[in-house]
Amino acid sequence: MKRKRSKRSRLRGRRSCGMGARNNYRGKGTRGGKGMAGTGKRAGQKKTWILKYAPDYFGKKGFRRPRKEKPLAGINLDDIQQKMDKFVEEGNARKIEDGFEVELKGYKILSRGSPTEKLVIKASAFSEKAKEKIEKAGGSATVI
């Protein structure tokens, strides 16, 4: 009887040697990598798994920066006296027995000019000179 030639020798020189697609003839077959390997932008083979079990995998995450506090607007003492009628109309000021009580949230009171009447001012900040001038005229400066 003639000896049968081995399959291996018959397949020698052929592209896949009888193993079909070259990526699945050895080891883990068509697994497609370990863990999350191959799950990038064009992740065809694992996209269904990702969409089902890790839906937030794609897209940007990042974080929001904390909001900065707005800088205080400066207003001088002489501007306050000039705009007193406007402040009263808006409800930011009211007339008291010998002067005005003004509430200016978001403003820093600066020292240009000098008050001619008693001012009770409530504001977010005061300069040192402005505080002195207000108290010298008989008023008071309170930080909100």
N, C-alpha and C. Protein backbone atom coordinates (compact mmCIF):
# COMPACT_ATOMS: atom_id res chain seq x y z
N MET A 1 0.84 -1.18 0.00
CA MET A 1 0.00 0.00 0.00
C MET A 1 0.88 1.24 0.00
N LYS A 2 0.49 2.16 -0.84
CA LYS A 2 1.25 3.39 -0.96
C LYS A 2 0.99 4.26 0.26
N ARG A 3 2.03 4.92 0.77
CA ARG A 3 1.91 5.77 1.96
C ARG A 3 1.19 7.06 1.61
N LYS A 4 0.20 7.44 2.44
CA LYS A 4 -0.60 8.63 2.19
C LYS A 4 0.21 9.88 2.53
N ARG A 5 0.15 10.83 1.66
CA ARG A 5 0.85 12.10 1.86
C ARG A 5 0.12 12.93 2.92
N SER A 6 0.85 13.60 3.83
CA SER A 6 0.20 14.35 4.92
C SER A 6 -0.50 15.61 4.40
N LYS A 7 -1.53 15.95 5.12
CA LYS A 7 -2.30 17.15 4.77
C LYS A 7 -1.41 18.39 4.84
N ARG A 8 -0.52 18.39 5.81
CA ARG A 8 0.36 19.55 6.00
C ARG A 8 1.21 19.78 4.77
N SER A 9 1.71 18.73 4.20
CA SER A 9 2.58 18.90 3.03
C SER A 9 1.77 19.37 1.83
N ARG A 10 0.51 18.93 1.75
CA ARG A 10 -0.32 19.37 0.63
C ARG A 10 -0.69 20.85 0.72
N LEU A 11 -0.78 21.36 1.95
CA LEU A 11 -1.17 22.76 2.14
C LEU A 11 0.02 23.72 2.15
N ARG A 12 1.23 23.19 2.18
CA ARG A 12 2.43 24.01 2.22
C ARG A 12 2.46 24.94 1.01
N GLY A 13 2.70 26.23 1.23
CA GLY A 13 2.77 27.18 0.12
C GLY A 13 1.46 27.90 -0.12
N ARG A 14 0.39 27.43 0.50
CA ARG A 14 -0.88 28.13 0.35
C ARG A 14 -0.96 29.21 1.43
N ARG A 15 -1.76 30.19 1.15
CA ARG A 15 -1.77 31.38 1.99
C ARG A 15 -2.19 31.10 3.44
N SER A 16 -3.25 30.34 3.65
CA SER A 16 -3.74 30.16 5.01
C SER A 16 -3.47 28.78 5.59
N CYS A 17 -2.88 27.89 4.83
CA CYS A 17 -2.53 26.54 5.30
C CYS A 17 -3.74 25.80 5.87
N GLY A 18 -4.92 26.03 5.33
CA GLY A 18 -6.11 25.32 5.76
C GLY A 18 -6.73 25.82 7.05
N MET A 19 -6.30 26.98 7.51
CA MET A 19 -6.80 27.51 8.77
C MET A 19 -7.86 28.60 8.57
N GLY A 20 -8.35 28.80 7.41
CA GLY A 20 -9.33 29.84 7.16
C GLY A 20 -8.70 31.22 7.30
N ALA A 21 -9.43 32.14 7.91
CA ALA A 21 -8.88 33.49 8.10
C ALA A 21 -7.67 33.41 9.02
N ARG A 22 -6.64 34.14 8.73
CA ARG A 22 -5.36 34.00 9.45
C ARG A 22 -5.43 34.52 10.89
N ASN A 23 -6.49 35.23 11.27
CA ASN A 23 -6.50 35.77 12.62
C ASN A 23 -7.08 34.80 13.64
N ASN A 24 -7.62 33.66 13.22
CA ASN A 24 -8.26 32.79 14.21
C ASN A 24 -7.74 31.36 14.19
N TYR A 25 -6.51 31.14 13.77
CA TYR A 25 -6.02 29.77 13.73
C TYR A 25 -5.17 29.42 14.95
N ARG A 26 -4.86 30.39 15.78
CA ARG A 26 -3.96 30.10 16.90
C ARG A 26 -4.45 30.84 18.14
N GLY A 27 -4.53 30.19 19.25
CA GLY A 27 -4.80 30.86 20.53
C GLY A 27 -6.26 31.23 20.70
N LYS A 28 -6.52 32.50 20.94
CA LYS A 28 -7.85 32.94 21.36
C LYS A 28 -8.82 33.20 20.20
N GLY A 29 -8.47 32.83 19.04
CA GLY A 29 -9.41 32.92 17.93
C GLY A 29 -9.75 34.35 17.54
N THR A 30 -11.04 34.63 17.41
CA THR A 30 -11.47 35.93 16.91
C THR A 30 -11.87 36.86 18.05
N ARG A 31 -11.22 36.73 19.20
CA ARG A 31 -11.61 37.48 20.38
C ARG A 31 -11.51 38.99 20.16
N GLY A 32 -10.47 39.47 19.52
CA GLY A 32 -10.36 40.90 19.23
C GLY A 32 -9.65 41.69 20.30
N GLY A 33 -8.73 41.09 21.04
CA GLY A 33 -7.96 41.81 22.05
C GLY A 33 -8.41 41.49 23.45
N LYS A 34 -7.70 42.05 24.41
CA LYS A 34 -7.96 41.79 25.81
C LYS A 34 -8.66 42.99 26.43
N GLY A 35 -9.67 42.75 27.23
CA GLY A 35 -10.33 43.84 27.94
C GLY A 35 -11.00 44.80 26.99
N MET A 36 -10.64 46.09 27.10
CA MET A 36 -11.26 47.11 26.27
C MET A 36 -10.44 47.40 25.02
N ALA A 37 -9.52 46.49 24.67
CA ALA A 37 -8.72 46.69 23.46
C ALA A 37 -9.62 46.68 22.24
N GLY A 38 -9.35 47.57 21.30
CA GLY A 38 -10.14 47.63 20.08
C GLY A 38 -11.47 48.34 20.23
N THR A 39 -11.61 49.14 21.28
CA THR A 39 -12.89 49.81 21.49
C THR A 39 -12.81 51.29 21.15
N GLY A 40 -11.97 51.61 20.22
CA GLY A 40 -11.77 53.02 19.88
C GLY A 40 -12.90 53.58 19.05
N LYS A 41 -12.58 54.59 18.27
CA LYS A 41 -13.57 55.32 17.49
C LYS A 41 -14.30 54.40 16.51
N ARG A 42 -13.56 53.48 15.90
CA ARG A 42 -14.15 52.58 14.90
C ARG A 42 -14.28 51.18 15.49
N ALA A 43 -14.90 51.06 16.66
CA ALA A 43 -14.97 49.78 17.36
C ALA A 43 -16.15 48.99 16.87
N GLY A 44 -15.99 48.29 15.77
CA GLY A 44 -17.11 47.51 15.24
C GLY A 44 -17.42 46.30 16.08
N GLN A 45 -16.37 45.52 16.44
CA GLN A 45 -16.62 44.22 17.05
C GLN A 45 -17.13 44.30 18.48
N LYS A 46 -16.91 45.44 19.18
CA LYS A 46 -17.34 45.52 20.58
C LYS A 46 -18.37 46.62 20.82
N LYS A 47 -18.83 47.25 19.77
CA LYS A 47 -19.72 48.39 19.94
C LYS A 47 -21.03 48.00 20.62
N THR A 48 -21.58 46.83 20.28
CA THR A 48 -22.84 46.43 20.90
C THR A 48 -22.67 46.23 22.40
N TRP A 49 -21.55 45.63 22.81
CA TRP A 49 -21.30 45.43 24.24
C TRP A 49 -21.16 46.76 24.95
N ILE A 50 -20.40 47.68 24.34
CA ILE A 50 -20.17 48.99 24.95
C ILE A 50 -21.48 49.76 25.10
N LEU A 51 -22.30 49.76 24.06
CA LEU A 51 -23.55 50.51 24.12
C LEU A 51 -24.50 49.94 25.16
N LYS A 52 -24.41 48.63 25.41
CA LYS A 52 -25.30 48.01 26.39
C LYS A 52 -24.79 48.18 27.81
N TYR A 53 -23.49 47.90 28.03
CA TYR A 53 -22.96 47.84 29.40
C TYR A 53 -22.17 49.07 29.83
N ALA A 54 -21.69 49.87 28.89
CA ALA A 54 -20.93 51.08 29.25
C ALA A 54 -21.36 52.22 28.33
N PRO A 55 -22.60 52.68 28.45
CA PRO A 55 -23.11 53.67 27.49
C PRO A 55 -22.40 55.01 27.52
N ASP A 56 -21.71 55.34 28.61
CA ASP A 56 -21.00 56.63 28.69
C ASP A 56 -19.55 56.53 28.22
N TYR A 57 -19.18 55.42 27.59
CA TYR A 57 -17.79 55.21 27.18
C TYR A 57 -17.35 56.21 26.12
N PHE A 58 -18.20 56.48 25.15
CA PHE A 58 -17.85 57.41 24.08
C PHE A 58 -18.24 58.83 24.47
N GLY A 59 -17.53 59.80 23.92
CA GLY A 59 -17.87 61.21 24.14
C GLY A 59 -16.97 61.87 25.16
N LYS A 60 -17.17 63.16 25.32
CA LYS A 60 -16.34 63.95 26.22
C LYS A 60 -16.90 63.89 27.63
N LYS A 61 -16.01 63.89 28.61
CA LYS A 61 -16.44 63.93 30.00
C LYS A 61 -16.08 65.28 30.59
N GLY A 62 -14.80 65.48 30.90
CA GLY A 62 -14.32 66.78 31.38
C GLY A 62 -14.97 67.23 32.67
N PHE A 63 -14.81 68.49 33.01
CA PHE A 63 -15.41 69.05 34.20
C PHE A 63 -15.66 70.53 33.95
N ARG A 64 -16.50 71.11 34.76
CA ARG A 64 -16.79 72.53 34.63
C ARG A 64 -15.93 73.30 35.60
N ARG A 65 -15.35 74.36 35.11
CA ARG A 65 -14.55 75.21 35.99
C ARG A 65 -15.47 75.96 36.93
N PRO A 66 -15.04 76.17 38.16
CA PRO A 66 -15.88 76.94 39.06
C PRO A 66 -16.04 78.38 38.56
N ARG A 67 -17.22 78.91 38.72
CA ARG A 67 -17.50 80.26 38.26
C ARG A 67 -16.70 81.27 39.08
N LYS A 68 -16.14 82.24 38.40
CA LYS A 68 -15.42 83.30 39.10
C LYS A 68 -16.42 84.34 39.58
N GLU A 69 -16.14 84.91 40.71
CA GLU A 69 -17.00 85.99 41.19
C GLU A 69 -16.77 87.21 40.32
N LYS A 70 -17.85 87.90 40.02
CA LYS A 70 -17.74 89.09 39.20
C LYS A 70 -17.00 90.16 39.98
N PRO A 71 -16.12 90.90 39.32
CA PRO A 71 -15.43 91.99 40.03
C PRO A 71 -16.44 93.09 40.41
N LEU A 72 -16.17 93.71 41.54
CA LEU A 72 -17.08 94.75 42.02
C LEU A 72 -16.96 96.00 41.16
N ALA A 73 -18.08 96.62 40.90
CA ALA A 73 -18.09 97.89 40.18
C ALA A 73 -17.78 99.00 41.18
N GLY A 74 -16.94 99.94 40.80
CA GLY A 74 -16.60 101.05 41.68
C GLY A 74 -17.54 102.22 41.47
N ILE A 75 -17.90 102.88 42.56
CA ILE A 75 -18.73 104.07 42.47
C ILE A 75 -18.23 105.06 43.53
N ASN A 76 -18.08 106.30 43.12
CA ASN A 76 -17.55 107.34 44.01
C ASN A 76 -18.67 107.99 44.82
N LEU A 77 -18.27 108.64 45.91
CA LEU A 77 -19.25 109.30 46.79
C LEU A 77 -20.02 110.40 46.07
N ASP A 78 -19.31 111.17 45.22
CA ASP A 78 -20.02 112.24 44.50
C ASP A 78 -21.02 111.67 43.48
N ASP A 79 -20.71 110.51 42.90
CA ASP A 79 -21.65 109.87 41.97
C ASP A 79 -22.90 109.39 42.71
N ILE A 80 -22.70 108.90 43.94
CA ILE A 80 -23.85 108.45 44.74
C ILE A 80 -24.80 109.62 44.99
N GLN A 81 -24.23 110.78 45.35
CA GLN A 81 -25.10 111.93 45.62
C GLN A 81 -25.79 112.44 44.36
N GLN A 82 -25.11 112.40 43.24
CA GLN A 82 -25.73 112.84 41.98
C GLN A 82 -26.86 111.89 41.55
N LYS A 83 -26.69 110.60 41.79
CA LYS A 83 -27.66 109.61 41.33
C LYS A 83 -28.66 109.20 42.42
N MET A 84 -28.76 109.97 43.48
CA MET A 84 -29.62 109.60 44.60
C MET A 84 -31.08 109.48 44.19
N ASP A 85 -31.56 110.39 43.32
CA ASP A 85 -32.95 110.31 42.86
C ASP A 85 -33.21 108.99 42.12
N LYS A 86 -32.24 108.59 41.30
CA LYS A 86 -32.36 107.35 40.55
C LYS A 86 -32.40 106.14 41.51
N PHE A 87 -31.54 106.17 42.54
CA PHE A 87 -31.51 105.07 43.52
C PHE A 87 -32.83 104.96 44.28
N VAL A 88 -33.43 106.11 44.60
CA VAL A 88 -34.71 106.12 45.31
C VAL A 88 -35.81 105.53 44.42
N GLU A 89 -35.81 105.91 43.14
CA GLU A 89 -36.81 105.39 42.20
C GLU A 89 -36.70 103.87 42.05
N GLU A 90 -35.45 103.38 41.97
CA GLU A 90 -35.22 101.94 41.78
C GLU A 90 -35.47 101.14 43.05
N GLY A 91 -35.52 101.81 44.20
CA GLY A 91 -35.74 101.11 45.46
C GLY A 91 -34.46 100.73 46.17
N ASN A 92 -33.33 101.23 45.70
CA ASN A 92 -32.05 100.95 46.35
C ASN A 92 -31.75 101.92 47.48
N ALA A 93 -32.50 103.00 47.58
CA ALA A 93 -32.28 104.01 48.62
C ALA A 93 -33.62 104.49 49.15
N ARG A 94 -33.58 104.98 50.39
CA ARG A 94 -34.79 105.59 50.96
C ARG A 94 -34.38 106.75 51.84
N LYS A 95 -35.27 107.69 51.95
CA LYS A 95 -35.02 108.91 52.74
C LYS A 95 -35.21 108.59 54.22
N ILE A 96 -34.24 109.02 55.02
CA ILE A 96 -34.38 108.94 56.48
C ILE A 96 -34.41 110.37 57.01
N GLU A 97 -34.57 110.56 58.33
CA GLU A 97 -34.83 111.90 58.88
C GLU A 97 -33.82 112.98 58.45
N ASP A 98 -32.51 112.67 58.44
CA ASP A 98 -31.56 113.74 58.08
C ASP A 98 -30.57 113.28 56.99
N GLY A 99 -30.98 112.37 56.13
CA GLY A 99 -30.10 111.90 55.06
C GLY A 99 -30.75 110.77 54.26
N PHE A 100 -29.91 109.85 53.80
CA PHE A 100 -30.38 108.74 52.99
C PHE A 100 -29.77 107.43 53.46
N GLU A 101 -30.52 106.36 53.29
CA GLU A 101 -30.00 105.01 53.52
C GLU A 101 -29.95 104.33 52.15
N VAL A 102 -28.74 103.90 51.77
CA VAL A 102 -28.52 103.37 50.42
C VAL A 102 -27.97 101.95 50.52
N GLU A 103 -28.50 101.05 49.69
CA GLU A 103 -27.97 99.68 49.63
C GLU A 103 -27.44 99.44 48.22
N LEU A 104 -26.13 99.24 48.11
CA LEU A 104 -25.48 99.06 46.81
C LEU A 104 -24.71 97.74 46.79
N LYS A 105 -25.42 96.65 46.59
CA LYS A 105 -24.78 95.34 46.52
C LYS A 105 -24.05 95.21 45.19
N GLY A 106 -22.83 94.68 45.23
CA GLY A 106 -22.03 94.54 44.00
C GLY A 106 -21.18 95.75 43.69
N TYR A 107 -21.15 96.73 44.60
CA TYR A 107 -20.37 97.95 44.39
C TYR A 107 -19.30 98.10 45.46
N LYS A 108 -18.18 98.72 45.05
CA LYS A 108 -17.18 99.16 46.01
C LYS A 108 -17.25 100.68 46.04
N ILE A 109 -17.37 101.24 47.24
CA ILE A 109 -17.52 102.68 47.39
C ILE A 109 -16.13 103.30 47.43
N LEU A 110 -15.89 104.26 46.52
CA LEU A 110 -14.60 104.94 46.42
C LEU A 110 -14.73 106.36 46.95
N SER A 111 -13.59 107.03 47.15
CA SER A 111 -13.58 108.23 47.98
C SER A 111 -13.64 109.58 47.26
N ARG A 112 -13.81 109.62 45.95
CA ARG A 112 -13.85 110.91 45.27
C ARG A 112 -15.11 111.67 45.70
N GLY A 113 -14.93 112.92 46.04
CA GLY A 113 -16.04 113.74 46.51
C GLY A 113 -16.21 113.57 48.01
N SER A 114 -17.08 114.38 48.58
CA SER A 114 -17.36 114.25 50.01
C SER A 114 -18.85 114.45 50.23
N PRO A 115 -19.46 113.63 51.07
CA PRO A 115 -20.92 113.73 51.27
C PRO A 115 -21.31 115.01 51.97
N THR A 116 -22.39 115.63 51.50
CA THR A 116 -22.88 116.88 52.11
C THR A 116 -23.97 116.60 53.14
N GLU A 117 -24.48 115.36 53.15
CA GLU A 117 -25.50 114.99 54.13
C GLU A 117 -25.19 113.60 54.69
N LYS A 118 -25.94 113.21 55.69
CA LYS A 118 -25.71 111.92 56.34
C LYS A 118 -26.09 110.79 55.38
N LEU A 119 -25.15 109.86 55.18
CA LEU A 119 -25.40 108.70 54.31
C LEU A 119 -25.16 107.42 55.10
N VAL A 120 -26.16 106.56 55.13
CA VAL A 120 -26.02 105.23 55.71
C VAL A 120 -25.93 104.28 54.52
N ILE A 121 -24.71 103.83 54.24
CA ILE A 121 -24.47 103.06 53.02
C ILE A 121 -24.16 101.61 53.38
N LYS A 122 -24.84 100.69 52.70
CA LYS A 122 -24.55 99.27 52.79
C LYS A 122 -24.06 98.84 51.42
N ALA A 123 -22.81 98.38 51.35
CA ALA A 123 -22.23 97.99 50.06
C ALA A 123 -21.34 96.77 50.25
N SER A 124 -20.86 96.22 49.13
CA SER A 124 -20.02 95.03 49.19
C SER A 124 -18.61 95.33 49.67
N ALA A 125 -18.10 96.55 49.42
CA ALA A 125 -16.76 96.92 49.88
C ALA A 125 -16.63 98.43 49.93
N PHE A 126 -15.68 98.90 50.73
CA PHE A 126 -15.40 100.33 50.88
C PHE A 126 -13.90 100.54 50.84
N SER A 127 -13.48 101.69 50.28
CA SER A 127 -12.09 102.07 50.43
C SER A 127 -11.95 102.74 51.80
N GLU A 128 -10.72 102.75 52.32
CA GLU A 128 -10.48 103.31 53.66
C GLU A 128 -10.91 104.78 53.73
N LYS A 129 -10.50 105.57 52.71
CA LYS A 129 -10.81 107.01 52.70
C LYS A 129 -12.32 107.25 52.61
N ALA A 130 -13.00 106.43 51.80
CA ALA A 130 -14.45 106.60 51.65
C ALA A 130 -15.14 106.35 52.99
N LYS A 131 -14.70 105.33 53.71
CA LYS A 131 -15.29 105.02 55.01
C LYS A 131 -15.10 106.19 55.97
N GLU A 132 -13.89 106.74 55.97
CA GLU A 132 -13.59 107.89 56.85
C GLU A 132 -14.49 109.08 56.52
N LYS A 133 -14.65 109.39 55.23
CA LYS A 133 -15.46 110.53 54.82
C LYS A 133 -16.92 110.36 55.20
N ILE A 134 -17.43 109.13 55.02
CA ILE A 134 -18.84 108.87 55.35
C ILE A 134 -19.08 109.04 56.87
N GLU A 135 -18.18 108.51 57.66
CA GLU A 135 -18.31 108.59 59.12
C GLU A 135 -18.10 110.01 59.62
N LYS A 136 -17.23 110.78 58.93
CA LYS A 136 -16.99 112.17 59.29
C LYS A 136 -18.24 113.02 59.06
N ALA A 137 -19.03 112.65 58.03
CA ALA A 137 -20.27 113.40 57.74
C ALA A 137 -21.42 112.95 58.60
N GLY A 138 -21.19 111.97 59.51
CA GLY A 138 -22.23 111.55 60.43
C GLY A 138 -22.98 110.28 59.98
N GLY A 139 -22.53 109.66 58.90
CA GLY A 139 -23.20 108.47 58.41
C GLY A 139 -22.49 107.21 58.90
N SER A 140 -22.83 106.09 58.25
CA SER A 140 -22.16 104.83 58.58
C SER A 140 -21.96 104.01 57.33
N ALA A 141 -20.91 103.20 57.33
CA ALA A 141 -20.57 102.34 56.19
C ALA A 141 -20.59 100.90 56.68
N THR A 142 -21.48 100.08 56.10
CA THR A 142 -21.61 98.68 56.50
C THR A 142 -21.37 97.79 55.30
N VAL A 143 -20.53 96.78 55.52
CA VAL A 143 -20.25 95.81 54.45
C VAL A 143 -21.34 94.76 54.45
N ILE A 144 -21.91 94.48 53.28
CA ILE A 144 -22.97 93.47 53.15
C ILE A 144 -22.31 92.11 53.09
